[in-house]
Protein backbone atom coordinates (compact mmCIF):
# COMPACT_ATOMS: atom_id res chain seq x y z
CA MET A 1 57.30 194.21 -178.29
CA SER A 2 60.51 192.71 -180.08
CA LEU A 3 63.60 194.52 -180.98
CA ARG A 4 63.18 196.89 -184.02
CA LYS A 5 65.54 198.73 -186.17
CA GLY A 6 66.26 202.19 -185.21
CA ILE A 7 69.39 203.61 -183.57
CA LYS A 8 72.47 201.92 -185.18
CA VAL A 9 75.72 201.10 -183.72
CA TYR A 10 78.90 201.96 -185.92
CA HIS A 11 82.16 200.80 -184.73
CA ARG A 12 85.75 202.04 -185.56
CA ASP A 13 88.61 199.69 -185.28
CA ILE A 14 87.12 197.34 -182.50
CA GLN A 15 87.23 193.68 -183.11
CA ASP A 16 84.36 191.59 -181.94
CA ILE A 17 82.22 194.67 -180.96
CA LYS A 18 79.29 192.28 -180.77
CA ASP A 19 80.72 190.79 -177.64
CA GLN A 20 80.48 194.16 -175.98
CA ILE A 21 76.76 194.43 -176.49
CA SER A 22 74.08 192.48 -174.39
CA ILE A 23 70.37 192.65 -174.41
CA ASN A 24 67.69 191.99 -171.81
CA SER A 25 63.93 191.61 -171.41
CA GLY A 26 62.96 195.28 -170.78
CA VAL A 27 62.61 197.53 -167.82
CA SER A 28 60.97 197.71 -164.19
CA SER A 29 59.81 200.68 -162.21
CA VAL A 30 62.34 201.66 -159.49
CA LYS A 31 61.37 200.87 -155.86
CA ASN A 32 62.98 203.22 -153.46
CA THR A 33 64.29 200.71 -150.90
CA ASN A 34 67.72 202.13 -150.32
CA ALA A 35 67.71 205.16 -148.19
CA GLU A 36 70.98 206.31 -149.48
CA ILE A 37 70.19 206.21 -153.24
CA GLU A 38 66.93 207.79 -153.99
CA TYR A 39 65.37 207.82 -157.45
CA TYR A 40 62.55 209.82 -158.90
CA ASN A 41 59.00 208.25 -158.46
CA ASN A 42 58.63 207.74 -162.28
CA ALA A 43 62.17 206.25 -162.71
CA TYR A 44 62.83 202.95 -164.62
CA LEU A 45 65.80 200.75 -164.66
CA PRO A 46 66.86 197.76 -166.96
CA ASN A 47 65.97 194.37 -165.89
CA MET A 48 69.16 192.32 -165.14
CA ASP A 49 68.68 189.35 -167.27
CA TRP A 50 71.40 190.15 -169.77
CA ARG A 51 72.29 187.69 -172.62
CA SER A 52 74.24 187.94 -175.81
CA LEU A 53 72.70 189.13 -179.08
CA THR A 54 71.68 186.76 -181.49
CA ASP A 55 73.10 187.33 -185.19
CA SER A 56 69.72 188.55 -186.17
CA GLU A 57 69.54 191.05 -183.41
CA TYR A 58 73.05 192.29 -184.13
CA ARG A 59 72.02 192.99 -187.77
CA LYS A 60 69.15 195.18 -186.55
CA ILE A 61 71.30 197.47 -184.49
CA SER A 62 74.60 197.60 -186.45
CA THR A 63 75.85 199.62 -189.47
CA ALA A 64 79.04 199.77 -191.57
CA ASP A 65 77.98 203.10 -193.01
CA VAL A 66 80.54 205.64 -191.90
CA ASP A 67 78.27 208.52 -193.21
CA SER A 68 75.34 207.53 -190.88
CA LYS A 69 73.38 210.55 -189.65
CA ILE A 70 74.18 211.80 -186.18
CA PHE A 71 70.61 211.46 -185.04
CA ASN A 72 70.07 207.92 -185.09
CA THR A 73 73.91 206.58 -184.88
CA LEU A 74 75.90 205.53 -181.83
CA GLY A 75 79.55 205.51 -182.79
CA VAL A 76 82.11 203.59 -180.76
CA GLY A 77 85.97 203.73 -181.11
CA VAL A 78 89.26 203.91 -179.44
CA ILE A 79 91.32 207.19 -178.76
CA PRO A 80 94.85 207.25 -180.17
CA GLU A 81 97.50 205.47 -178.19
CA GLU A 82 99.58 208.78 -177.78
CA LEU A 83 96.70 210.27 -176.01
CA GLN A 84 95.99 207.01 -173.99
CA ASP A 85 99.79 207.17 -172.73
CA LEU A 86 99.20 210.88 -171.50
CA PHE A 87 96.21 209.73 -169.47
CA LYS A 88 98.19 206.86 -167.93
CA LYS A 89 100.90 209.32 -166.97
CA LEU A 90 98.22 211.39 -165.27
CA ASP A 91 97.38 208.37 -163.30
CA LEU A 92 93.87 209.21 -162.12
CA ASN A 93 93.94 205.84 -160.10
CA GLU A 94 95.98 207.66 -157.49
CA CYS A 95 92.79 209.74 -156.40
CA GLU A 96 91.27 208.86 -153.19
CA SER A 97 88.01 210.51 -153.82
CA LEU A 98 86.08 211.91 -156.54
CA PHE A 99 86.78 215.52 -155.55
CA ASP A 100 90.54 214.60 -156.06
CA VAL A 101 90.00 214.34 -159.70
CA PRO A 102 89.98 217.83 -160.76
CA LYS A 103 92.95 218.64 -158.46
CA LYS A 104 94.92 215.93 -160.34
CA PHE A 105 94.64 217.79 -163.60
CA GLN A 106 95.40 221.16 -161.92
CA GLU A 107 98.36 219.80 -160.25
CA ASN A 108 99.86 218.59 -163.56
CA GLU A 109 99.70 221.62 -165.63
CA THR A 110 102.01 220.60 -168.26
CA LEU A 111 100.60 217.16 -168.79
CA THR A 112 97.18 218.53 -168.77
CA LYS A 113 98.14 220.98 -171.53
CA GLN A 114 99.41 218.10 -173.60
CA ILE A 115 96.26 216.26 -173.01
CA ASN A 116 94.05 218.99 -174.11
CA GLU A 117 96.16 219.72 -177.27
CA LEU A 118 96.04 216.06 -178.36
CA THR A 119 92.32 215.72 -177.44
CA ASN A 120 91.66 218.66 -179.61
CA VAL A 121 93.39 217.22 -182.52
CA PHE A 122 91.49 213.85 -182.00
CA LEU A 123 88.10 215.82 -181.66
CA ASP A 124 88.75 217.81 -184.82
CA GLU A 125 88.81 214.41 -186.65
CA LYS A 126 85.41 213.66 -185.31
CA SER A 127 83.72 216.94 -186.15
CA LEU A 128 83.94 218.06 -189.71
CA GLN A 129 82.63 221.43 -188.75
CA ARG A 130 84.87 221.50 -185.61
CA ASN A 131 81.61 222.54 -183.77
CA TYR A 132 82.24 221.23 -180.20
CA LYS A 133 82.91 222.48 -176.63
CA PHE A 134 84.20 220.85 -173.44
CA HIS A 135 81.16 219.85 -171.28
CA ARG A 136 82.54 218.37 -168.08
CA ILE A 137 84.80 215.54 -166.53
CA ALA A 138 81.92 213.20 -165.36
CA ARG A 139 82.80 211.39 -162.15
CA SER A 140 80.72 208.37 -160.74
CA LEU A 141 80.91 205.98 -157.73
CA PRO A 142 81.75 202.38 -158.45
CA ASP A 143 79.05 199.71 -158.54
CA MET A 144 76.20 202.03 -159.35
CA GLN A 145 73.26 200.80 -161.41
CA SER A 146 72.66 204.30 -162.47
CA THR A 147 75.10 207.20 -162.86
CA THR A 148 72.80 209.95 -163.78
CA PHE A 149 71.44 212.23 -161.00
CA HIS A 150 70.19 215.79 -160.30
CA HIS A 151 71.76 217.72 -157.36
CA LEU A 152 68.79 219.18 -155.48
CA GLY A 153 70.88 221.15 -152.97
CA HIS A 154 71.73 220.58 -149.31
CA ASN A 155 73.72 217.60 -150.29
CA THR A 156 70.61 215.82 -151.80
CA PHE A 157 70.65 213.87 -154.91
CA LYS A 158 68.05 211.99 -156.92
CA TYR A 159 68.84 209.53 -159.63
CA THR A 160 66.94 209.64 -163.08
CA GLY A 161 67.16 206.02 -164.22
CA LEU A 162 66.83 205.60 -167.94
CA HIS A 163 66.33 209.07 -169.46
CA ILE A 164 66.80 211.41 -172.38
CA ASP A 165 69.06 214.49 -172.05
CA LYS A 166 67.78 217.98 -172.33
CA SER A 167 70.65 219.98 -173.64
CA SER A 168 68.08 222.59 -175.15
CA PHE A 169 64.47 222.92 -175.78
CA PHE A 170 62.92 220.32 -178.19
CA THR A 171 59.87 218.14 -178.70
CA PRO A 172 59.77 214.45 -179.63
CA HIS A 173 59.49 215.76 -183.21
CA THR A 174 62.37 217.95 -183.24
CA ALA A 175 64.87 216.14 -180.96
CA TYR A 176 66.58 214.78 -184.21
CA LYS A 177 67.85 218.32 -184.86
CA SER A 178 69.82 218.43 -181.65
CA GLY A 179 73.55 217.79 -181.79
CA ASN A 180 75.35 214.73 -179.90
CA ARG A 181 78.26 214.35 -177.67
CA ILE A 182 81.27 212.26 -177.28
CA SER A 183 82.21 210.31 -173.91
CA ILE A 184 85.70 209.10 -173.30
CA ASN A 185 86.44 206.47 -170.69
CA ILE A 186 89.69 207.44 -169.02
CA SER A 187 89.10 205.08 -166.08
CA LYS A 188 90.88 201.84 -165.52
CA GLU A 189 87.63 199.69 -165.83
CA SER A 190 85.03 199.40 -168.31
CA ARG A 191 81.59 201.41 -167.90
CA TYR A 192 78.46 200.63 -169.59
CA LEU A 193 75.89 202.52 -171.51
CA TYR A 194 72.23 201.38 -171.40
CA PHE A 195 70.19 202.46 -174.38
CA VAL A 196 66.96 201.78 -176.20
CA ASN A 197 67.66 201.71 -179.88
CA LEU A 198 64.63 203.75 -180.95
CA THR A 199 64.62 207.58 -181.79
CA LEU A 200 62.28 209.73 -179.97
CA ARG A 201 60.06 209.96 -183.08
CA GLN A 202 59.72 206.13 -183.11
CA ILE A 203 58.99 206.05 -179.42
CA TYR A 204 56.32 208.79 -179.92
CA GLY A 205 54.63 206.61 -182.54
CA GLU A 206 54.31 203.86 -180.35
CA VAL A 207 53.27 205.87 -177.18
CA GLN A 208 50.59 207.46 -179.33
CA LYS A 209 48.91 204.22 -180.04
CA LYS A 210 48.12 203.78 -176.30
CA TYR A 211 48.21 207.19 -174.73
CA SER A 212 45.67 209.79 -175.67
CA GLU A 213 46.99 212.83 -173.75
CA LYS A 214 49.63 215.22 -174.98
CA ILE A 215 53.25 213.58 -175.52
CA THR A 216 56.06 215.74 -174.68
CA SER A 217 59.71 215.52 -173.92
CA ASP A 218 58.96 215.43 -170.16
CA ASN A 219 56.72 212.48 -170.10
CA ILE A 220 57.62 210.51 -173.22
CA VAL A 221 60.15 208.18 -171.51
CA GLU A 222 57.66 207.43 -168.56
CA GLN A 223 54.74 206.70 -170.96
CA PHE A 224 56.92 204.63 -173.27
CA PHE A 225 58.11 202.44 -170.31
CA ASN A 226 54.69 202.33 -168.83
CA HIS A 227 52.97 200.99 -172.10
CA TYR A 228 56.09 198.93 -173.29
CA PRO A 229 58.06 197.55 -170.23
CA GLY A 230 59.01 194.59 -172.50
CA TYR A 231 60.90 196.29 -175.11
CA PRO A 232 64.52 195.46 -174.68
CA VAL A 233 67.34 197.53 -173.57
CA LEU A 234 70.71 197.17 -174.82
CA ARG A 235 73.98 197.47 -172.69
CA LEU A 236 77.13 198.59 -174.35
CA GLU A 237 80.54 197.94 -172.79
CA ILE A 238 82.85 200.93 -173.04
CA LYS A 239 86.26 199.75 -172.24
CA PRO A 240 89.12 201.92 -170.94
CA TYR A 241 90.22 204.44 -173.49
CA GLN A 242 87.27 203.71 -175.66
CA TYR A 243 84.71 206.40 -176.47
CA TYR A 244 81.19 206.60 -177.65
CA ILE A 245 79.53 209.34 -179.81
CA ALA A 246 75.58 209.34 -179.27
CA PRO A 247 72.58 211.50 -179.83
CA THR A 248 71.61 211.73 -176.12
CA ASP A 249 68.77 214.21 -176.65
CA ASN A 250 67.14 211.66 -179.20
CA PHE A 251 67.29 208.30 -177.47
CA ILE A 252 66.60 206.82 -173.91
CA HIS A 253 69.98 205.96 -172.22
CA ASP A 254 71.80 205.89 -168.89
CA GLY A 255 75.21 204.92 -167.73
CA THR A 256 76.09 202.21 -165.03
CA THR A 257 79.19 201.08 -163.15
CA LEU A 258 77.79 198.04 -161.67
CA GLY A 259 80.53 195.51 -160.70
CA ASN A 260 83.30 198.08 -160.67
CA LYS A 261 85.68 198.57 -157.81
CA ASP A 262 87.08 201.92 -158.71
CA PHE A 263 86.01 205.43 -159.64
CA ASP A 264 84.44 206.10 -163.02
CA VAL A 265 85.91 209.16 -164.86
CA THR A 266 84.86 210.32 -168.34
CA MET A 267 85.70 213.29 -170.36
CA VAL A 268 82.54 214.69 -172.16
CA TYR A 269 82.41 217.03 -175.16
CA VAL A 270 79.16 218.33 -176.75
CA GLY A 271 78.54 219.52 -180.27
CA ILE A 272 78.30 218.03 -183.85
CA PHE A 273 80.35 214.73 -184.01
CA ASP A 274 79.80 213.61 -187.48
CA LYS A 275 82.83 211.29 -188.17
CA TYR A 276 82.65 208.19 -185.95
């Protein structure tokens, strides 16, 4: 199954964004061979044969329409320099463990207040309705192929692999009504977003052709990859102080820090971000 039109990438003030996007040959089911990193039995990860996009492929996934709808748009941009400077002063690189990151914010109360004030000014520009809320400061280890996991208690974690978020109840037909989120890379290294450039409605239509049982938000990812393992995954580089805005309830995605040497830290807000 070749690359189709679906989710579009809109970029603001980033030159050569095409160079930050790679494509591969599809996915493979995860084989749990690492005792320290356990995945769910139905998890899938992208194949690692990444290559650059052709011009034709790039045209299929890109848009210059600033008013694109939030349910099928992945926006990418850069936070203001003044806000970047504040994060640099905070210097999260000094943290020796992921547990030190929240303490770093708490110990620098004045600086944290300035960051919050400027971040809110920036977010107000991205949300016409000013409809958003702080979600979390996401922290990940370096050199991880997947950054999304569930904590099952007793210091037990399971990684999901490629997935859809479930911020609220929805079906494959109503996922487009969900909000979106903004994720800001405040690390000193790039991080990467894996994604399949199809909405859940598009995926539902393809799965329905080969799967006769009920398709739900709980099984649609597994069934899509089971029947279409050759559909390509895209990998978007998010450089330090860049952000992405994405409808994470409505498309398959995951994060990765493969190749990195330092902690990955992102600030995440959820709501309605309709100005990319």
